[in-house]
Amino acid sequence: MALYILKENDSTGRPFRDDDTTSYYDDDFDGDAYAAAMNGYNLRVAQTDKDWGPGKGAVRWTLLKVG
């Protein structure tokens, strides 16, 4: 079983150290963790692109797989 972590990056591309914008997805809680994580990622990227301009969202968010 994998755990997916969605992290927000700062302007230098490093993940923020706080957990305010971190989301966690696993199969036990979400059913299909990968699908839930990708949905969360795509929503955040789209919102960031809308707010800050095209192409900014993919740089601002990172989806990590653990396990």
Protein backbone atom coordinates (compact mmCIF):
# COMPACT_ATOMS: atom_id res chain seq x y z
CA MET A 1 0.00 0.00 0.00
CA ALA A 2 1.38 3.37 -0.99
CA LEU A 3 1.01 6.71 0.70
CA TYR A 4 0.85 9.83 -1.46
CA ILE A 5 1.87 13.22 -0.11
CA LEU A 6 0.94 16.45 -1.86
CA LYS A 7 3.33 19.28 -0.89
CA GLU A 8 3.44 22.94 -1.82
CA ASN A 9 6.83 24.30 -2.91
CA ASP A 10 8.22 27.74 -2.19
CA SER A 11 9.51 30.10 -4.89
CA THR A 12 12.85 28.25 -5.02
CA GLY A 13 11.18 24.88 -5.63
CA ARG A 14 11.76 23.48 -2.14
CA PRO A 15 8.81 22.03 -0.23
CA PHE A 16 7.49 24.17 2.60
CA ARG A 17 8.44 22.72 5.99
CA ASP A 18 5.06 23.37 7.57
CA ASP A 19 2.06 21.12 7.15
CA ASP A 20 -0.52 23.83 6.49
CA THR A 21 -0.68 23.02 2.78
CA THR A 22 0.27 19.32 2.93
CA SER A 23 -2.28 16.64 2.04
CA TYR A 24 -1.95 12.90 2.63
CA TYR A 25 -3.71 10.13 0.68
CA ASP A 26 -3.78 6.41 1.45
CA ASP A 27 -5.90 3.47 0.33
CA ASP A 28 -7.37 2.84 3.77
CA PHE A 29 -8.88 6.30 4.00
CA ASP A 30 -9.36 7.30 0.36
CA GLY A 31 -10.08 3.94 -1.29
CA ASP A 32 -7.94 4.62 -4.37
CA ALA A 33 -5.12 6.76 -3.03
CA TYR A 34 -3.51 7.41 -6.41
CA ALA A 35 -6.75 8.67 -7.98
CA ALA A 36 -7.51 10.85 -4.95
CA ALA A 37 -3.97 12.24 -4.91
CA MET A 38 -4.02 13.02 -8.64
CA ASN A 39 -7.39 14.71 -8.26
CA GLY A 40 -6.02 16.87 -5.43
CA TYR A 41 -2.89 17.66 -7.43
CA ASN A 42 -4.80 18.61 -10.57
CA LEU A 43 -7.21 20.85 -8.62
CA ARG A 44 -4.37 22.70 -6.90
CA VAL A 45 -2.37 23.10 -10.11
CA ALA A 46 -5.41 24.48 -11.93
CA GLN A 47 -6.19 26.92 -9.11
CA THR A 48 -2.56 28.10 -8.96
CA ASP A 49 -2.46 28.57 -12.75
CA LYS A 50 -5.68 30.57 -12.54
CA ASP A 51 -4.37 32.79 -9.74
CA TRP A 52 -0.71 33.21 -10.76
CA GLY A 53 -0.63 32.48 -14.49
CA PRO A 54 -0.22 29.48 -16.79
CA GLY A 55 2.52 27.00 -15.91
CA LYS A 56 2.98 28.17 -12.31
CA GLY A 57 0.93 25.37 -10.74
CA ALA A 58 3.08 22.46 -11.88
CA VAL A 59 6.14 24.12 -10.34
CA ARG A 60 4.32 25.04 -7.13
CA TRP A 61 3.03 21.54 -6.25
CA THR A 62 4.81 18.18 -5.83
CA LEU A 63 3.19 14.77 -5.48
CA LEU A 64 5.35 12.21 -3.67
CA LYS A 65 4.81 8.45 -3.43
CA VAL A 66 5.99 6.71 -0.26
CA GLY A 67 6.04 2.95 -0.10
